[in-house]
Structure formats: structure tokens, C-alpha cells
Amino acid sequence: MTKLFLFLTVLFVPGLVFCQIRDTIPYTNSFKIVQDSFPHVYLKEITVYPSLKDMSRRQQRQYSALELKVRKVYPMAKIAAIKVAEYNRIYMNFKTERERKLYIKKAEKELFAEFEDQIRHMTVSEGRILIKLIDRETGKSSYEIIKEFKGGFNAFFWQTVARLFGHDLKSAYDAENEDKMIEYIVMQIDMGLGR
């Protein structure tokens, strides 16, 4: 009899006590009390990536090559995002189209002076990664950025040139599928991990 009483006490008392204090616990986005008297905690979704130990030698070589490329072009993508935001802010303050065109020519010269040598010595795959990372950092494809600042004809022209070299300025960054490993490497860089 005492064992049954002890069992019922252990089973029901915590639930009764929790039901009494449930009204005093405030509701937040990550913690919610529902009527079944059990707390529900909502956690952020996490993505699990394979460890290098779990990869074959071929996959490890591919990953290492991708990591080197991302580490090379990611700083340029971050700078591009900062510059695009700055240029956009200044660009919108001009009243006439002539002032805007003069400003864009000046900005182009600055960008060419700063990045021309690096971009000319990029491989095709580094260029593709840079285009995707610019989309990731700015929220706009390279095609949209060119169209916004230089117009539709220039965007079409540069898209055609990019196609000749195997690029697509309209390509979007897909962190969930196609660009999953790039996203993982970028997260490692942002956390200060890795090389």
C-alpha cells in the first residue's frame, strides 16, 4: 500500500504543483505553457554537417579546395555588401540622373582600382563562388545590382559576358541545398574557426 501511495505521489504531485504555478510563468517566444501541463520549449533549428573524418579522401580534397576558394573570395563579398549599401544610400540622395551617372562612374573607378587585380587572377570557380556570396551578403543577385545602378542594358551585356566565361550573374545563393557546404565554411569563418 505504501509503495502504491509513493508511486502515485511521485507521479501526480509534480504535475499538480506545476499546474498551480503555470499561471505565474510569463509567455515568451521560446517557452510556452499549454494546457497539458508540460512545458514546451522551442529551439532554433540547427544544421548538422559531416565531419572531415566521415568523408572519403576525395571528398576531403574537394572540401579543402572549396574552403580555400571561399576563404579567398568571402572577404571581397563582405566588402561588396558594405560598398553596395553605401553606394545605394548616396545614390538615392541625388536629385538628377546626371548626378547619379557621374557618381556611378566614380564608384566604378574606385572598385576597379581596388579589386581589378584580384578579380583578373580569379579562377572560374572562384568567380562563381564570389557571385553567390555577393547574393548571400547583399540579398540581391549581381545581375540585380548592376541593373539597379547601371540599367537593364548594362545588366544584360554583363550577363552575356559572364555566360561566355561560364558564370550566371542571376544565380541565387541556396544555403539549404546547392550551397550547403559554402554556407558551412562561411559560418566557420564568421565564428573564427578553421584555418
Protein backbone atom coordinates (compact mmCIF):
# COMPACT_ATOMS: atom_id res chain seq x y z
CA MET A 1 0.00 0.00 0.00
CA THR A 2 2.78 2.44 0.85
CA LYS A 3 4.54 1.61 -2.40
CA LEU A 4 1.37 2.43 -4.34
CA PHE A 5 0.93 5.69 -2.44
CA LEU A 6 4.57 6.63 -3.03
CA PHE A 7 4.25 5.80 -6.73
CA LEU A 8 1.09 7.93 -7.11
CA THR A 9 2.69 10.80 -5.17
CA VAL A 10 5.77 10.82 -7.40
CA LEU A 11 3.58 10.61 -10.47
CA PHE A 12 0.94 13.27 -9.70
CA VAL A 13 2.38 15.85 -7.28
CA PRO A 14 4.84 17.45 -9.71
CA GLY A 15 2.03 17.84 -12.24
CA LEU A 16 -0.30 19.41 -9.67
CA VAL A 17 2.37 21.81 -8.43
CA PHE A 18 3.22 22.78 -12.00
CA CYS A 19 -0.47 23.39 -12.79
CA GLN A 20 -0.71 25.78 -9.86
CA ILE A 21 2.32 27.84 -10.87
CA ARG A 22 1.60 27.73 -14.58
CA ASP A 23 -0.36 30.99 -14.47
CA THR A 24 2.58 32.85 -12.91
CA ILE A 25 5.04 31.95 -15.72
CA PRO A 26 5.04 34.61 -18.46
CA TYR A 27 4.70 33.58 -22.09
CA THR A 28 7.76 34.14 -24.27
CA ASN A 29 8.64 33.20 -27.82
CA SER A 30 10.80 30.30 -26.77
CA PHE A 31 8.82 28.95 -23.82
CA LYS A 32 5.11 28.27 -23.84
CA ILE A 33 2.82 26.63 -21.31
CA VAL A 34 -0.01 24.66 -22.84
CA GLN A 35 -2.97 23.00 -21.15
CA ASP A 36 -1.40 19.56 -20.88
CA SER A 37 0.82 20.90 -18.04
CA PHE A 38 4.09 20.05 -19.75
CA PRO A 39 6.36 22.93 -20.75
CA HIS A 40 7.19 23.21 -24.44
CA VAL A 41 10.49 24.79 -25.37
CA TYR A 42 11.01 25.82 -28.99
CA LEU A 43 14.60 25.64 -30.09
CA LYS A 44 16.23 27.12 -33.17
CA GLU A 45 16.83 24.67 -35.98
CA ILE A 46 20.41 23.52 -36.31
CA THR A 47 22.10 22.06 -39.35
CA VAL A 48 24.46 19.15 -38.92
CA TYR A 49 27.33 18.92 -41.36
CA PRO A 50 29.53 15.89 -41.94
CA SER A 51 32.84 15.78 -40.16
CA LEU A 52 36.00 15.62 -42.22
CA LYS A 53 36.63 12.27 -40.56
CA ASP A 54 33.41 10.94 -42.11
CA MET A 55 34.40 11.95 -45.64
CA SER A 56 36.33 9.92 -48.16
CA ARG A 57 39.74 11.20 -49.26
CA ARG A 58 38.27 12.51 -52.47
CA GLN A 59 35.53 14.39 -50.58
CA GLN A 60 38.14 15.80 -48.18
CA ARG A 61 40.21 17.12 -51.10
CA GLN A 62 37.10 18.68 -52.69
CA TYR A 63 36.11 20.25 -49.38
CA SER A 64 39.63 21.61 -48.77
CA ALA A 65 39.72 23.12 -52.27
CA LEU A 66 36.28 24.68 -51.75
CA GLU A 67 37.33 26.03 -48.37
CA LEU A 68 40.41 27.73 -49.85
CA LYS A 69 38.29 29.34 -52.56
CA VAL A 70 35.63 30.55 -50.13
CA ARG A 71 38.26 31.95 -47.76
CA LYS A 72 39.78 33.85 -50.69
CA VAL A 73 36.58 35.45 -52.03
CA TYR A 74 34.42 35.82 -48.89
CA PRO A 75 36.19 39.00 -47.71
CA MET A 76 35.55 40.55 -51.13
CA ALA A 77 31.85 39.64 -50.89
CA LYS A 78 31.61 41.26 -47.45
CA ILE A 79 33.30 44.42 -48.73
CA ALA A 80 30.99 44.40 -51.77
CA ALA A 81 27.94 44.25 -49.50
CA ILE A 82 29.19 47.21 -47.45
CA LYS A 83 30.01 49.22 -50.58
CA VAL A 84 26.69 48.44 -52.28
CA ALA A 85 24.79 49.62 -49.20
CA GLU A 86 26.93 52.77 -49.04
CA TYR A 87 26.60 53.46 -52.77
CA ASN A 88 22.86 52.88 -52.65
CA ARG A 89 22.42 55.28 -49.75
CA ILE A 90 24.38 58.03 -51.53
CA TYR A 91 22.86 57.20 -54.94
CA MET A 92 19.32 57.72 -53.69
CA ASN A 93 20.16 61.20 -52.37
CA PHE A 94 20.96 62.59 -55.83
CA LYS A 95 18.18 64.54 -57.45
CA THR A 96 19.13 64.27 -61.13
CA GLU A 97 20.03 61.33 -63.32
CA ARG A 98 23.20 63.12 -64.44
CA GLU A 99 24.49 63.31 -60.86
CA ARG A 100 23.73 59.63 -60.38
CA LYS A 101 25.60 58.64 -63.55
CA LEU A 102 28.65 60.68 -62.55
CA TYR A 103 28.61 59.10 -59.11
CA ILE A 104 28.36 55.57 -60.54
CA LYS A 105 31.33 56.24 -62.86
CA LYS A 106 33.36 57.44 -59.88
CA ALA A 107 32.32 54.38 -57.84
CA GLU A 108 33.25 52.06 -60.72
CA LYS A 109 36.72 53.58 -60.94
CA GLU A 110 37.20 53.11 -57.19
CA LEU A 111 36.10 49.47 -57.36
CA PHE A 112 38.29 48.72 -60.37
CA ALA A 113 41.29 50.30 -58.66
CA GLU A 114 40.73 48.25 -55.53
CA PHE A 115 39.67 44.85 -56.92
CA GLU A 116 40.67 44.62 -60.60
CA ASP A 117 43.91 42.74 -59.99
CA GLN A 118 42.28 40.21 -57.65
CA ILE A 119 39.34 39.60 -59.97
CA ARG A 120 41.54 39.19 -63.06
CA HIS A 121 43.53 36.46 -61.30
CA MET A 122 40.49 34.51 -60.12
CA THR A 123 39.64 31.08 -61.40
CA VAL A 124 36.23 30.41 -62.94
CA SER A 125 35.08 28.51 -59.84
CA GLU A 126 36.23 31.34 -57.53
CA GLY A 127 34.21 33.75 -59.67
CA ARG A 128 31.10 31.57 -59.32
CA ILE A 129 31.55 31.43 -55.56
CA LEU A 130 32.04 35.21 -55.40
CA ILE A 131 28.82 35.79 -57.36
CA LYS A 132 26.91 33.53 -54.96
CA LEU A 133 28.46 35.10 -51.86
CA ILE A 134 27.59 38.59 -53.11
CA ASP A 135 23.99 37.40 -53.38
CA ARG A 136 24.23 35.97 -49.84
CA GLU A 137 25.65 39.18 -48.38
CA THR A 138 23.50 41.73 -50.22
CA GLY A 139 20.28 39.80 -50.70
CA LYS A 140 20.42 40.66 -54.40
CA SER A 141 21.99 38.86 -57.33
CA SER A 142 24.87 40.54 -59.15
CA TYR A 143 22.54 41.00 -62.12
CA GLU A 144 20.03 42.91 -59.96
CA ILE A 145 22.77 45.13 -58.52
CA ILE A 146 24.08 46.03 -61.99
CA LYS A 147 20.55 46.64 -63.25
CA GLU A 148 19.77 48.88 -60.27
CA PHE A 149 22.83 51.08 -60.71
CA LYS A 150 23.67 50.86 -64.42
CA GLY A 151 20.38 49.93 -66.06
CA GLY A 152 18.89 46.94 -67.83
CA PHE A 153 21.04 47.12 -70.96
CA ASN A 154 24.30 47.04 -68.98
CA ALA A 155 22.99 44.19 -66.83
CA PHE A 156 22.11 42.23 -69.97
CA PHE A 157 25.53 42.96 -71.51
CA TRP A 158 27.45 41.81 -68.41
CA GLN A 159 25.23 38.76 -68.06
CA THR A 160 26.14 37.82 -71.65
CA VAL A 161 29.85 38.31 -70.95
CA ALA A 162 29.57 36.26 -67.76
CA ARG A 163 27.84 33.46 -69.68
CA LEU A 164 30.78 33.31 -72.10
CA PHE A 165 33.03 32.54 -69.12
CA GLY A 166 30.67 30.02 -67.56
CA HIS A 167 29.07 32.30 -64.96
CA ASP A 168 25.50 33.36 -64.31
CA LEU A 169 25.02 36.75 -62.67
CA LYS A 170 21.43 35.81 -61.86
CA SER A 171 22.40 32.74 -59.82
CA ALA A 172 20.93 32.85 -56.34
CA TYR A 173 22.56 31.61 -53.17
CA ASP A 174 20.91 28.43 -51.92
CA ALA A 175 22.17 27.72 -48.39
CA GLU A 176 19.81 24.79 -47.91
CA ASN A 177 20.78 22.67 -50.92
CA GLU A 178 23.30 23.56 -53.60
CA ASP A 179 25.47 25.86 -51.50
CA LYS A 180 25.24 23.99 -48.21
CA MET A 181 28.99 23.42 -47.88
CA ILE A 182 29.76 27.04 -48.77
CA GLU A 183 27.35 28.12 -46.01
CA TYR A 184 29.10 25.80 -43.56
CA ILE A 185 32.51 27.26 -44.45
CA VAL A 186 31.17 30.82 -44.15
CA MET A 187 29.73 30.01 -40.72
CA GLN A 188 33.13 28.60 -39.69
CA ILE A 189 34.83 31.80 -40.88
CA ASP A 190 32.32 34.03 -39.08
CA MET A 191 32.86 32.08 -35.85
CA GLY A 192 36.62 32.36 -36.22
CA LEU A 193 37.12 28.63 -36.61
CA GLY A 194 39.25 26.79 -39.08
CA ARG A 195 42.49 27.86 -40.63
